[in-house]
PDB file of all heavy atoms in Angstrom:
ATOM      1  N   VAL A   1       0.884  -1.163   0.000  1.00  0.00           N
ATOM      2  CA  VAL A   1       0.000   0.000   0.000  1.00  0.00           C
ATOM      3  C   VAL A   1       0.915   1.204   0.000  1.00  0.00           C
ATOM      4  O   VAL A   1       1.605   1.477   0.983  1.00  0.00           O
ATOM      5  CB  VAL A   1      -0.918   0.015   1.238  1.00  0.00           C
ATOM      6  CG1 VAL A   1      -1.671   1.339   1.321  1.00  0.00           C
ATOM      7  CG2 VAL A   1      -1.892  -1.146   1.190  1.00  0.00           C
ATOM      8  N   TYR A   2       0.969   1.899  -1.137  1.00  0.00           N
ATOM      9  CA  TYR A   2       1.892   3.020  -1.266  1.00  0.00           C
ATOM     10  C   TYR A   2       1.206   4.280  -0.766  1.00  0.00           C
ATOM     11  O   TYR A   2       0.281   4.801  -1.387  1.00  0.00           O
ATOM     12  CB  TYR A   2       2.333   3.199  -2.717  1.00  0.00           C
ATOM     13  CG  TYR A   2       3.408   4.243  -2.879  1.00  0.00           C
ATOM     14  CD1 TYR A   2       4.725   3.950  -2.533  1.00  0.00           C
ATOM     15  CD2 TYR A   2       3.110   5.511  -3.353  1.00  0.00           C
ATOM     16  CE1 TYR A   2       5.719   4.903  -2.658  1.00  0.00           C
ATOM     17  CE2 TYR A   2       4.096   6.471  -3.489  1.00  0.00           C
ATOM     18  CZ  TYR A   2       5.403   6.163  -3.131  1.00  0.00           C
ATOM     19  OH  TYR A   2       6.376   7.112  -3.246  1.00  0.00           O
ATOM     20  N   LEU A   3       1.629   4.765   0.401  1.00  0.00           N
ATOM     21  CA  LEU A   3       0.986   5.908   1.032  1.00  0.00           C
ATOM     22  C   LEU A   3       1.798   7.183   0.809  1.00  0.00           C
ATOM     23  O   LEU A   3       3.022   7.180   0.912  1.00  0.00           O
ATOM     24  CB  LEU A   3       0.845   5.674   2.538  1.00  0.00           C
ATOM     25  CG  LEU A   3      -0.052   4.510   2.967  1.00  0.00           C
ATOM     26  CD1 LEU A   3       0.001   4.355   4.481  1.00  0.00           C
ATOM     27  CD2 LEU A   3      -1.481   4.740   2.522  1.00  0.00           C
ATOM     28  N   ASP A   4       1.102   8.266   0.490  1.00  0.00           N
ATOM     29  CA  ASP A   4       1.718   9.585   0.464  1.00  0.00           C
ATOM     30  C   ASP A   4       0.714  10.561   1.054  1.00  0.00           C
ATOM     31  O   ASP A   4      -0.319  10.158   1.598  1.00  0.00           O
ATOM     32  CB  ASP A   4       2.144   9.988  -0.951  1.00  0.00           C
ATOM     33  CG  ASP A   4       0.990  10.002  -1.939  1.00  0.00           C
ATOM     34  OD1 ASP A   4      -0.177  10.096  -1.501  1.00  0.00           O
ATOM     35  OD2 ASP A   4       1.245   9.916  -3.154  1.00  0.00           O
ATOM     36  N   ARG A   5       0.999  11.857   0.973  1.00  0.00           N
ATOM     37  CA  ARG A   5       0.135  12.830   1.639  1.00  0.00           C
ATOM     38  C   ARG A   5      -1.282  12.833   1.068  1.00  0.00           C
ATOM     39  O   ARG A   5      -2.225  13.246   1.743  1.00  0.00           O
ATOM     40  CB  ARG A   5       0.769  14.222   1.577  1.00  0.00           C
ATOM     41  CG  ARG A   5       0.921  14.787   0.209  1.00  0.00           C
ATOM     42  CD  ARG A   5       1.608  16.150   0.306  1.00  0.00           C
ATOM     43  NE  ARG A   5       2.891  16.130  -0.390  1.00  0.00           N
ATOM     44  CZ  ARG A   5       3.849  16.988  -0.169  1.00  0.00           C
ATOM     45  NH1 ARG A   5       3.708  17.902   0.743  1.00  0.00           N
ATOM     46  NH2 ARG A   5       4.975  16.929  -0.846  1.00  0.00           N
ATOM     47  N   ASP A   6      -1.439  12.359  -0.197  1.00  0.00           N
ATOM     48  CA  ASP A   6      -2.770  12.345  -0.805  1.00  0.00           C
ATOM     49  C   ASP A   6      -3.599  11.134  -0.397  1.00  0.00           C
ATOM     50  O   ASP A   6      -4.825  11.139  -0.530  1.00  0.00           O
ATOM     51  CB  ASP A   6      -2.655  12.372  -2.330  1.00  0.00           C
ATOM     52  CG  ASP A   6      -2.177  13.720  -2.849  1.00  0.00           C
ATOM     53  OD1 ASP A   6      -2.573  14.738  -2.260  1.00  0.00           O
ATOM     54  OD2 ASP A   6      -1.412  13.743  -3.826  1.00  0.00           O
ATOM     55  N   THR A   7      -2.934  10.079   0.067  1.00  0.00           N
ATOM     56  CA  THR A   7      -3.664   8.836   0.354  1.00  0.00           C
ATOM     57  C   THR A   7      -3.713   8.479   1.834  1.00  0.00           C
ATOM     58  O   THR A   7      -4.398   7.528   2.211  1.00  0.00           O
ATOM     59  CB  THR A   7      -3.026   7.661  -0.417  1.00  0.00           C
ATOM     60  OG1 THR A   7      -1.613   7.624  -0.154  1.00  0.00           O
ATOM     61  CG2 THR A   7      -3.244   7.807  -1.911  1.00  0.00           C
ATOM     62  N   LEU A   8      -3.017   9.214   2.680  1.00  0.00           N
ATOM     63  CA  LEU A   8      -2.946   8.854   4.093  1.00  0.00           C
ATOM     64  C   LEU A   8      -4.323   8.739   4.738  1.00  0.00           C
ATOM     65  O   LEU A   8      -4.546   7.871   5.587  1.00  0.00           O
ATOM     66  CB  LEU A   8      -2.105   9.894   4.858  1.00  0.00           C
ATOM     67  CG  LEU A   8      -0.584   9.731   4.765  1.00  0.00           C
ATOM     68  CD1 LEU A   8       0.114  10.929   5.404  1.00  0.00           C
ATOM     69  CD2 LEU A   8      -0.127   8.442   5.438  1.00  0.00           C
ATOM     70  N   ASP A   9      -5.235   9.617   4.339  1.00  0.00           N
ATOM     71  CA  ASP A   9      -6.557   9.619   4.971  1.00  0.00           C
ATOM     72  C   ASP A   9      -7.563   8.716   4.263  1.00  0.00           C
ATOM     73  O   ASP A   9      -8.727   8.642   4.668  1.00  0.00           O
ATOM     74  CB  ASP A   9      -7.107  11.044   5.040  1.00  0.00           C
ATOM     75  CG  ASP A   9      -7.267  11.675   3.661  1.00  0.00           C
ATOM     76  OD1 ASP A   9      -6.563  11.228   2.736  1.00  0.00           O
ATOM     77  OD2 ASP A   9      -8.085  12.605   3.515  1.00  0.00           O
ATOM     78  N   LEU A  10      -7.114   8.031   3.207  1.00  0.00           N
ATOM     79  CA  LEU A  10      -8.039   7.223   2.413  1.00  0.00           C
ATOM     80  C   LEU A  10      -7.758   5.729   2.491  1.00  0.00           C
ATOM     81  O   LEU A  10      -8.659   4.919   2.269  1.00  0.00           O
ATOM     82  CB  LEU A  10      -7.989   7.656   0.944  1.00  0.00           C
ATOM     83  CG  LEU A  10      -8.434   9.089   0.631  1.00  0.00           C
ATOM     84  CD1 LEU A  10      -8.225   9.375  -0.849  1.00  0.00           C
ATOM     85  CD2 LEU A  10      -9.887   9.296   1.010  1.00  0.00           C
ATOM     86  N   VAL A  11      -6.522   5.363   2.764  1.00  0.00           N
ATOM     87  CA  VAL A  11      -6.124   3.954   2.707  1.00  0.00           C
ATOM     88  C   VAL A  11      -5.467   3.560   4.027  1.00  0.00           C
ATOM     89  O   VAL A  11      -4.537   4.224   4.489  1.00  0.00           O
ATOM     90  CB  VAL A  11      -5.142   3.692   1.547  1.00  0.00           C
ATOM     91  CG1 VAL A  11      -4.846   2.200   1.453  1.00  0.00           C
ATOM     92  CG2 VAL A  11      -5.703   4.209   0.238  1.00  0.00           C
ATOM     93  N   GLU A  12      -5.960   2.497   4.593  1.00  0.00           N
ATOM     94  CA  GLU A  12      -5.381   1.971   5.833  1.00  0.00           C
ATOM     95  C   GLU A  12      -3.976   1.424   5.561  1.00  0.00           C
ATOM     96  O   GLU A  12      -3.737   0.741   4.566  1.00  0.00           O
ATOM     97  CB  GLU A  12      -6.284   0.853   6.359  1.00  0.00           C
ATOM     98  CG  GLU A  12      -5.753   0.137   7.593  1.00  0.00           C
ATOM     99  CD  GLU A  12      -6.630  -1.047   7.962  1.00  0.00           C
ATOM    100  OE1 GLU A  12      -7.803  -1.077   7.546  1.00  0.00           O
ATOM    101  OE2 GLU A  12      -6.133  -1.947   8.658  1.00  0.00           O
ATOM    102  N   ASP A  13      -3.067   1.738   6.467  1.00  0.00           N
ATOM    103  CA  ASP A  13      -1.703   1.243   6.331  1.00  0.00           C
ATOM    104  C   ASP A  13      -1.672  -0.233   6.734  1.00  0.00           C
ATOM    105  O   ASP A  13      -1.969  -0.583   7.882  1.00  0.00           O
ATOM    106  CB  ASP A  13      -0.762   2.061   7.217  1.00  0.00           C
ATOM    107  CG  ASP A  13       0.696   1.666   7.024  1.00  0.00           C
ATOM    108  OD1 ASP A  13       1.019   1.077   5.975  1.00  0.00           O
ATOM    109  OD2 ASP A  13       1.512   1.960   7.915  1.00  0.00           O
ATOM    110  N   GLY A  14      -1.351  -1.093   5.769  1.00  0.00           N
ATOM    111  CA  GLY A  14      -1.329  -2.523   6.070  1.00  0.00           C
ATOM    112  C   GLY A  14      -0.922  -3.315   4.847  1.00  0.00           C
ATOM    113  O   GLY A  14      -0.403  -2.767   3.876  1.00  0.00           O
ATOM    114  N   HIS A  15      -1.142  -4.604   4.882  1.00  0.00           N
ATOM    115  CA  HIS A  15      -0.826  -5.461   3.743  1.00  0.00           C
ATOM    116  C   HIS A  15      -1.721  -5.098   2.567  1.00  0.00           C
ATOM    117  O   HIS A  15      -2.932  -4.951   2.714  1.00  0.00           O
ATOM    118  CB  HIS A  15      -1.033  -6.931   4.111  1.00  0.00           C
ATOM    119  CG  HIS A  15      -0.121  -7.408   5.199  1.00  0.00           C
ATOM    120  ND1 HIS A  15       1.191  -7.766   4.975  1.00  0.00           N
ATOM    121  CD2 HIS A  15      -0.338  -7.571   6.527  1.00  0.00           C
ATOM    122  CE1 HIS A  15       1.745  -8.142   6.124  1.00  0.00           C
ATOM    123  NE2 HIS A  15       0.841  -8.040   7.078  1.00  0.00           N
ATOM    124  N   GLY A  16      -1.117  -4.959   1.401  1.00  0.00           N
ATOM    125  CA  GLY A  16      -1.917  -4.593   0.246  1.00  0.00           C
ATOM    126  C   GLY A  16      -1.115  -4.556  -1.030  1.00  0.00           C
ATOM    127  O   GLY A  16       0.036  -5.000  -1.092  1.00  0.00           O
ATOM    128  N   LEU A  17      -1.751  -3.998  -2.047  1.00  0.00           N
ATOM    129  CA  LEU A  17      -1.184  -3.996  -3.392  1.00  0.00           C
ATOM    130  C   LEU A  17      -1.542  -2.683  -4.081  1.00  0.00           C
ATOM    131  O   LEU A  17      -2.679  -2.211  -3.988  1.00  0.00           O
ATOM    132  CB  LEU A  17      -1.750  -5.169  -4.200  1.00  0.00           C
ATOM    133  CG  LEU A  17      -1.357  -5.267  -5.676  1.00  0.00           C
ATOM    134  CD1 LEU A  17       0.125  -5.618  -5.823  1.00  0.00           C
ATOM    135  CD2 LEU A  17      -2.218  -6.304  -6.391  1.00  0.00           C
ATOM    136  N   THR A  18      -0.562  -2.104  -4.768  1.00  0.00           N
ATOM    137  CA  THR A  18      -0.806  -0.919  -5.597  1.00  0.00           C
ATOM    138  C   THR A  18      -0.427  -1.245  -7.036  1.00  0.00           C
ATOM    139  O   THR A  18       0.665  -1.764  -7.287  1.00  0.00           O
ATOM    140  CB  THR A  18       0.013   0.279  -5.104  1.00  0.00           C
ATOM    141  OG1 THR A  18      -0.366   0.587  -3.756  1.00  0.00           O
ATOM    142  CG2 THR A  18      -0.237   1.496  -5.977  1.00  0.00           C
ATOM    143  N   VAL A  19      -1.323  -0.971  -7.944  1.00  0.00           N
ATOM    144  CA  VAL A  19      -1.038  -1.074  -9.374  1.00  0.00           C
ATOM    145  C   VAL A  19      -1.174   0.326  -9.955  1.00  0.00           C
ATOM    146  O   VAL A  19      -2.219   0.963  -9.819  1.00  0.00           O
ATOM    147  CB  VAL A  19      -1.998  -2.046 -10.089  1.00  0.00           C
ATOM    148  CG1 VAL A  19      -1.815  -1.977 -11.605  1.00  0.00           C
ATOM    149  CG2 VAL A  19      -1.770  -3.473  -9.593  1.00  0.00           C
ATOM    150  N   THR A  20      -0.101   0.821 -10.558  1.00  0.00           N
ATOM    151  CA  THR A  20      -0.162   2.131 -11.186  1.00  0.00           C
ATOM    152  C   THR A  20      -0.368   1.961 -12.685  1.00  0.00           C
ATOM    153  O   THR A  20       0.256   1.100 -13.316  1.00  0.00           O
ATOM    154  CB  THR A  20       1.122   2.941 -10.944  1.00  0.00           C
ATOM    155  OG1 THR A  20       2.247   2.251 -11.466  1.00  0.00           O
ATOM    156  CG2 THR A  20       1.331   3.178  -9.456  1.00  0.00           C
ATOM    157  N   THR A  21      -1.261   2.775 -13.233  1.00  0.00           N
ATOM    158  CA  THR A  21      -1.499   2.761 -14.673  1.00  0.00           C
ATOM    159  C   THR A  21      -0.873   4.016 -15.281  1.00  0.00           C
ATOM    160  O   THR A  21      -0.999   5.112 -14.724  1.00  0.00           O
ATOM    161  CB  THR A  21      -3.002   2.692 -14.998  1.00  0.00           C
ATOM    162  OG1 THR A  21      -3.661   3.837 -14.462  1.00  0.00           O
ATOM    163  CG2 THR A  21      -3.612   1.436 -14.413  1.00  0.00           C
ATOM    164  N   VAL A  22      -0.221   3.859 -16.416  1.00  0.00           N
ATOM    165  CA  VAL A  22       0.582   4.913 -17.029  1.00  0.00           C
ATOM    166  C   VAL A  22       0.205   5.042 -18.502  1.00  0.00           C
ATOM    167  O   VAL A  22       0.175   4.039 -19.223  1.00  0.00           O
ATOM    168  CB  VAL A  22       2.084   4.591 -16.902  1.00  0.00           C
ATOM    169  CG1 VAL A  22       2.924   5.670 -17.568  1.00  0.00           C
ATOM    170  CG2 VAL A  22       2.493   4.410 -15.444  1.00  0.00           C
ATOM    171  N   VAL A  23      -0.084   6.254 -18.954  1.00  0.00           N
ATOM    172  CA  VAL A  23      -0.308   6.510 -20.382  1.00  0.00           C
ATOM    173  C   VAL A  23       1.058   6.580 -21.061  1.00  0.00           C
ATOM    174  O   VAL A  23       1.877   7.443 -20.737  1.00  0.00           O
ATOM    175  CB  VAL A  23      -1.081   7.816 -20.597  1.00  0.00           C
ATOM    176  CG1 VAL A  23      -1.218   8.120 -22.092  1.00  0.00           C
ATOM    177  CG2 VAL A  23      -2.462   7.727 -19.947  1.00  0.00           C
ATOM    178  N   VAL A  24       1.319   5.670 -22.003  1.00  0.00           N
ATOM    179  CA  VAL A  24       2.680   5.531 -22.528  1.00  0.00           C
ATOM    180  C   VAL A  24       3.033   6.513 -23.642  1.00  0.00           C
ATOM    181  O   VAL A  24       4.214   6.805 -23.865  1.00  0.00           O
ATOM    182  CB  VAL A  24       2.962   4.089 -23.009  1.00  0.00           C
ATOM    183  CG1 VAL A  24       2.941   3.121 -21.841  1.00  0.00           C
ATOM    184  CG2 VAL A  24       2.014   3.663 -24.113  1.00  0.00           C
ATOM    185  N   LYS A  25       2.044   7.008 -24.373  1.00  0.00           N
ATOM    186  CA  LYS A  25       2.312   7.989 -25.429  1.00  0.00           C
ATOM    187  C   LYS A  25       1.420   9.213 -25.226  1.00  0.00           C
ATOM    188  O   LYS A  25       0.499   9.482 -25.995  1.00  0.00           O
ATOM    189  CB  LYS A  25       2.075   7.370 -26.814  1.00  0.00           C
ATOM    190  CG  LYS A  25       2.977   6.197 -27.159  1.00  0.00           C
ATOM    191  CD  LYS A  25       4.445   6.593 -27.283  1.00  0.00           C
ATOM    192  CE  LYS A  25       4.743   7.304 -28.577  1.00  0.00           C
ATOM    193  NZ  LYS A  25       6.224   7.525 -28.731  1.00  0.00           N
ATOM    194  N   PRO A  26       1.679   9.969 -24.148  1.00  0.00           N
ATOM    195  CA  PRO A  26       0.807  11.095 -23.828  1.00  0.00           C
ATOM    196  C   PRO A  26       0.876  12.198 -24.879  1.00  0.00           C
ATOM    197  O   PRO A  26       1.915  12.451 -25.492  1.00  0.00           O
ATOM    198  CB  PRO A  26       1.359  11.596 -22.482  1.00  0.00           C
ATOM    199  CG  PRO A  26       2.787  11.149 -22.471  1.00  0.00           C
ATOM    200  CD  PRO A  26       2.804   9.840 -23.200  1.00  0.00           C
ATOM    201  N   ARG A  27      -0.261  12.852 -25.074  1.00  0.00           N
ATOM    202  CA  ARG A  27      -0.348  13.984 -26.003  1.00  0.00           C
ATOM    203  C   ARG A  27      -0.188  15.319 -25.276  1.00  0.00           C
ATOM    204  O   ARG A  27       0.033  16.341 -25.913  1.00  0.00           O
ATOM    205  CB  ARG A  27      -1.682  13.940 -26.747  1.00  0.00           C
ATOM    206  CG  ARG A  27      -1.843  12.693 -27.617  1.00  0.00           C
ATOM    207  CD  ARG A  27      -3.297  12.497 -28.028  1.00  0.00           C
ATOM    208  NE  ARG A  27      -3.492  11.301 -28.848  1.00  0.00           N
ATOM    209  CZ  ARG A  27      -3.610  10.063 -28.367  1.00  0.00           C
ATOM    210  NH1 ARG A  27      -3.521   9.856 -27.069  1.00  0.00           N
ATOM    211  NH2 ARG A  27      -3.804   9.037 -29.171  1.00  0.00           N
ATOM    212  N   SER A  28      -0.333  15.301 -23.966  1.00  0.00           N
ATOM    213  CA  SER A  28      -0.190  16.525 -23.179  1.00  0.00           C
ATOM    214  C   SER A  28       1.243  17.035 -23.234  1.00  0.00           C
ATOM    215  O   SER A  28       2.193  16.251 -23.271  1.00  0.00           O
ATOM    216  CB  SER A  28      -0.574  16.265 -21.718  1.00  0.00           C
ATOM    217  OG  SER A  28      -1.894  15.772 -21.612  1.00  0.00           O
ATOM    218  N   ARG A  29       1.366  18.350 -23.237  1.00  0.00           N
ATOM    219  CA  ARG A  29       2.682  18.980 -23.234  1.00  0.00           C
ATOM    220  C   ARG A  29       2.715  20.070 -22.169  1.00  0.00           C
ATOM    221  O   ARG A  29       1.729  20.754 -21.915  1.00  0.00           O
ATOM    222  CB  ARG A  29       3.012  19.593 -24.599  1.00  0.00           C
ATOM    223  CG  ARG A  29       3.120  18.578 -25.739  1.00  0.00           C
ATOM    224  CD  ARG A  29       4.316  17.656 -25.542  1.00  0.00           C
ATOM    225  NE  ARG A  29       4.506  16.726 -26.646  1.00  0.00           N
ATOM    226  CZ  ARG A  29       3.997  15.503 -26.720  1.00  0.00           C
ATOM    227  NH1 ARG A  29       3.218  15.056 -25.729  1.00  0.00           N
ATOM    228  NH2 ARG A  29       4.240  14.732 -27.752  1.00  0.00           N
ATOM    229  N   GLY A  30       3.897  20.241 -21.577  1.00  0.00           N
ATOM    230  CA  GLY A  30       4.095  21.272 -20.573  1.00  0.00           C
ATOM    231  C   GLY A  30       5.274  22.141 -20.931  1.00  0.00           C
ATOM    232  O   GLY A  30       5.721  22.180 -22.086  1.00  0.00           O
ATOM    233  N   GLU A  31       5.819  22.829 -19.926  1.00  0.00           N
ATOM    234  CA  GLU A  31       6.942  23.717 -20.194  1.00  0.00           C
ATOM    235  C   GLU A  31       7.805  23.909 -18.955  1.00  0.00           C
ATOM    236  O   GLU A  31       7.370  23.655 -17.825  1.00  0.00           O
ATOM    237  CB  GLU A  31       6.442  25.085 -20.685  1.00  0.00           C
ATOM    238  CG  GLU A  31       5.651  25.865 -19.652  1.00  0.00           C
ATOM    239  CD  GLU A  31       5.288  27.260 -20.135  1.00  0.00           C
ATOM    240  OE1 GLU A  31       5.660  27.625 -21.266  1.00  0.00           O
ATOM    241  OE2 GLU A  31       4.627  27.997 -19.367  1.00  0.00           O
ATOM    242  N   VAL A  32       9.036  24.352 -19.215  1.00  0.00           N
ATOM    243  CA  VAL A  32       9.983  24.746 -18.177  1.00  0.00           C
ATOM    244  C   VAL A  32      10.366  26.192 -18.454  1.00  0.00           C
ATOM    245  O   VAL A  32      10.759  26.524 -19.579  1.00  0.00           O
ATOM    246  CB  VAL A  32      11.245  23.861 -18.185  1.00  0.00           C
ATOM    247  CG1 VAL A  32      12.232  24.319 -17.112  1.00  0.00           C
ATOM    248  CG2 VAL A  32      10.893  22.394 -17.987  1.00  0.00           C
ATOM    249  N   ARG A  33      10.255  27.035 -17.433  1.00  0.00           N
ATOM    250  CA  ARG A  33      10.605  28.443 -17.569  1.00  0.00           C
ATOM    251  C   ARG A  33      11.587  28.842 -16.475  1.00  0.00           C
ATOM    252  O   ARG A  33      11.689  28.164 -15.442  1.00  0.00           O
ATOM    253  CB  ARG A  33       9.358  29.328 -17.476  1.00  0.00           C
ATOM    254  CG  ARG A  33       8.330  29.081 -18.577  1.00  0.00           C
ATOM    255  CD  ARG A  33       7.111  29.966 -18.413  1.00  0.00           C
ATOM    256  NE  ARG A  33       7.432  31.376 -18.541  1.00  0.00           N
ATOM    257  CZ  ARG A  33       7.462  32.037 -19.696  1.00  0.00           C
ATOM    258  NH1 ARG A  33       7.188  31.403 -20.830  1.00  0.00           N
ATOM    259  NH2 ARG A  33       7.740  33.323 -19.727  1.00  0.00           N
ATOM    260  N   LEU A  34      12.298  29.926 -16.697  1.00  0.00           N
ATOM    261  CA  LEU A  34      13.179  30.455 -15.668  1.00  0.00           C
ATOM    262  C   LEU A  34      12.355  31.142 -14.584  1.00  0.00           C
ATOM    263  O   LEU A  34      11.412  31.873 -14.879  1.00  0.00           O
ATOM    264  CB  LEU A  34      14.151  31.473 -16.259  1.00  0.00           C
ATOM    265  CG  LEU A  34      15.331  30.951 -17.083  1.00  0.00           C
ATOM    266  CD1 LEU A  34      16.156  32.133 -17.577  1.00  0.00           C
ATOM    267  CD2 LEU A  34      16.197  29.997 -16.275  1.00  0.00           C
ATOM    268  N   ALA A  35      12.744  30.919 -13.333  1.00  0.00           N
ATOM    269  CA  ALA A  35      12.145  31.672 -12.236  1.00  0.00           C
ATOM    270  C   ALA A  35      12.791  33.043 -12.123  1.00  0.00           C
ATOM    271  O   ALA A  35      12.137  34.031 -11.772  1.00  0.00           O
ATOM    272  CB  ALA A  35      12.294  30.909 -10.926  1.00  0.00           C
ATOM    273  N   SER A  36      14.083  33.099 -12.423  1.00  0.00           N
ATOM    274  CA  SER A  36      14.835  34.341 -12.356  1.00  0.00           C
ATOM    275  C   SER A  36      16.173  34.105 -13.048  1.00  0.00           C
ATOM    276  O   SER A  36      16.449  33.014 -13.552  1.00  0.00           O
ATOM    277  CB  SER A  36      15.059  34.769 -10.898  1.00  0.00           C
ATOM    278  OG  SER A  36      16.050  33.957 -10.289  1.00  0.00           O
ATOM    279  N   ALA A  37      17.028  35.122 -13.021  1.00  0.00           N
ATOM    280  CA  ALA A  37      18.379  34.980 -13.575  1.00  0.00           C
ATOM    281  C   ALA A  37      19.360  34.426 -12.552  1.00  0.00           C
ATOM    282  O   ALA A  37      20.542  34.270 -12.854  1.00  0.00           O
ATOM    283  CB  ALA A  37      18.872  36.338 -14.089  1.00  0.00           C
ATOM    284  N   ASP A  38      18.875  34.096 -11.367  1.00  0.00           N
ATOM    285  CA  ASP A  38      19.718  33.546 -10.306  1.00  0.00           C
ATOM    286  C   ASP A  38      19.868  32.043 -10.526  1.00  0.00           C
ATOM    287  O   ASP A  38      18.882  31.302 -10.449  1.00  0.00           O
ATOM    288  CB  ASP A  38      19.079  33.822  -8.946  1.00  0.00           C
ATOM    289  CG  ASP A  38      19.955  33.382  -7.780  1.00  0.00           C
ATOM    290  OD1 ASP A  38      20.931  32.641  -8.017  1.00  0.00           O
ATOM    291  OD2 ASP A  38      19.646  33.755  -6.638  1.00  0.00           O
ATOM    292  N   PRO A  39      21.089  31.555 -10.784  1.00  0.00           N
ATOM    293  CA  PRO A  39      21.268  30.114 -11.052  1.00  0.00           C
ATOM    294  C   PRO A  39      20.847  29.209  -9.898  1.00  0.00           C
ATOM    295  O   PRO A  39      20.597  28.029 -10.108  1.00  0.00           O
ATOM    296  CB  PRO A  39      22.776  29.995 -11.317  1.00  0.00           C
ATOM    297  CG  PRO A  39      23.210  31.361 -11.725  1.00  0.00           C
ATOM    298  CD  PRO A  39      22.354  32.303 -10.935  1.00  0.00           C
ATOM    299  N   SER A  40      20.764  29.759  -8.686  1.00  0.00           N
ATOM    300  CA  SER A  40      20.390  28.923  -7.543  1.00  0.00           C
ATOM    301  C   SER A  40      18.888  28.686  -7.456  1.00  0.00           C
ATOM    302  O   SER A  40      18.433  27.819  -6.710  1.00  0.00           O
ATOM    303  CB  SER A  40      20.883  29.546  -6.235  1.00  0.00           C
ATOM    304  OG  SER A  40      20.251  30.785  -5.995  1.00  0.00           O
ATOM    305  N   ASP A  41      18.095  29.441  -8.214  1.00  0.00           N
ATOM    306  CA  ASP A  41      16.641  29.256  -8.200  1.00  0.00           C
ATOM    307  C   ASP A  41      16.242  28.050  -9.051  1.00  0.00           C
ATOM    308  O   ASP A  41      16.747  27.861 -10.161  1.00  0.00           O
ATOM    309  CB  ASP A  41      15.929  30.495  -8.732  1.00  0.00           C
ATOM    310  CG  ASP A  41      15.923  31.639  -7.731  1.00  0.00           C
ATOM    311  OD1 ASP A  41      16.188  31.379  -6.542  1.00  0.00           O
ATOM    312  OD2 ASP A  41      15.659  32.788  -8.151  1.00  0.00           O
ATOM    313  N   MET A  42      15.319  27.267  -8.522  1.00  0.00           N
ATOM    314  CA  MET A  42      14.780  26.148  -9.292  1.00  0.00           C
ATOM    315  C   MET A  42      13.956  26.690 -10.457  1.00  0.00           C
ATOM    316  O   MET A  42      13.349  27.762 -10.351  1.00  0.00           O
ATOM    317  CB  MET A  42      13.901  25.275  -8.404  1.00  0.00           C
ATOM    318  CG  MET A  42      14.610  24.662  -7.221  1.00  0.00           C
ATOM    319  SD  MET A  42      15.541  23.178  -7.646  1.00  0.00           S
ATOM    320  CE  MET A  42      14.243  21.942  -7.508  1.00  0.00           C
ATOM    321  N   PRO A  43      13.900  25.971 -11.573  1.00  0.00           N
ATOM    322  CA  PRO A  43      13.056  26.420 -12.684  1.00  0.00           C
ATOM    323  C   PRO A  43      11.578  26.277 -12.356  1.00  0.00           C
ATOM    324  O   PRO A  43      11.197  25.535 -11.442  1.00  0.00           O
ATOM    325  CB  PRO A  43      13.462  25.481 -13.826  1.00  0.00           C
ATOM    326  CG  PRO A  43      13.934  24.250 -13.135  1.00  0.00           C
ATOM    327  CD  PRO A  43      14.591  24.709 -11.875  1.00  0.00           C
ATOM    328  N   LEU A  44      10.752  26.988 -13.100  1.00  0.00           N
ATOM    329  CA  LEU A  44       9.304  26.860 -12.973  1.00  0.00           C
ATOM    330  C   LEU A  44       8.850  25.749 -13.901  1.00  0.00           C
ATOM    331  O   LEU A  44       9.038  25.829 -15.121  1.00  0.00           O
ATOM    332  CB  LEU A  44       8.623  28.178 -13.342  1.00  0.00           C
ATOM    333  CG  LEU A  44       9.035  29.405 -12.519  1.00  0.00           C
ATOM    334  CD1 LEU A  44       8.334  30.647 -13.056  1.00  0.00           C
ATOM    335  CD2 LEU A  44       8.724  29.210 -11.045  1.00  0.00           C
ATOM    336  N   VAL A  45       8.241  24.715 -13.345  1.00  0.00           N
ATOM    337  CA  VAL A  45       7.887  23.527 -14.121  1.00  0.00           C
ATOM    338  C   VAL A  45       6.379  23.353 -14.135  1.00  0.00           C
ATOM    339  O   VAL A  45       5.724  23.327 -13.090  1.00  0.00           O
ATOM    340  CB  VAL A  45       8.550  22.267 -13.537  1.00  0.00           C
ATOM    341  CG1 VAL A  45       8.162  21.037 -14.352  1.00  0.00           C
ATOM    342  CG2 VAL A  45      10.066  22.420 -13.487  1.00  0.00           C
TER     343      VAL A  45
END
């Protein structure tokens, strides 16, 4: 049972099984942008 902050209140912690489904050829597209000119800043994703 793979628990994270989204599932803690929904799934009891115990013996179980998680199957993840993945779209293998997604059509959705996103972007990466600069947060600033400071190299220490993480990019905007």
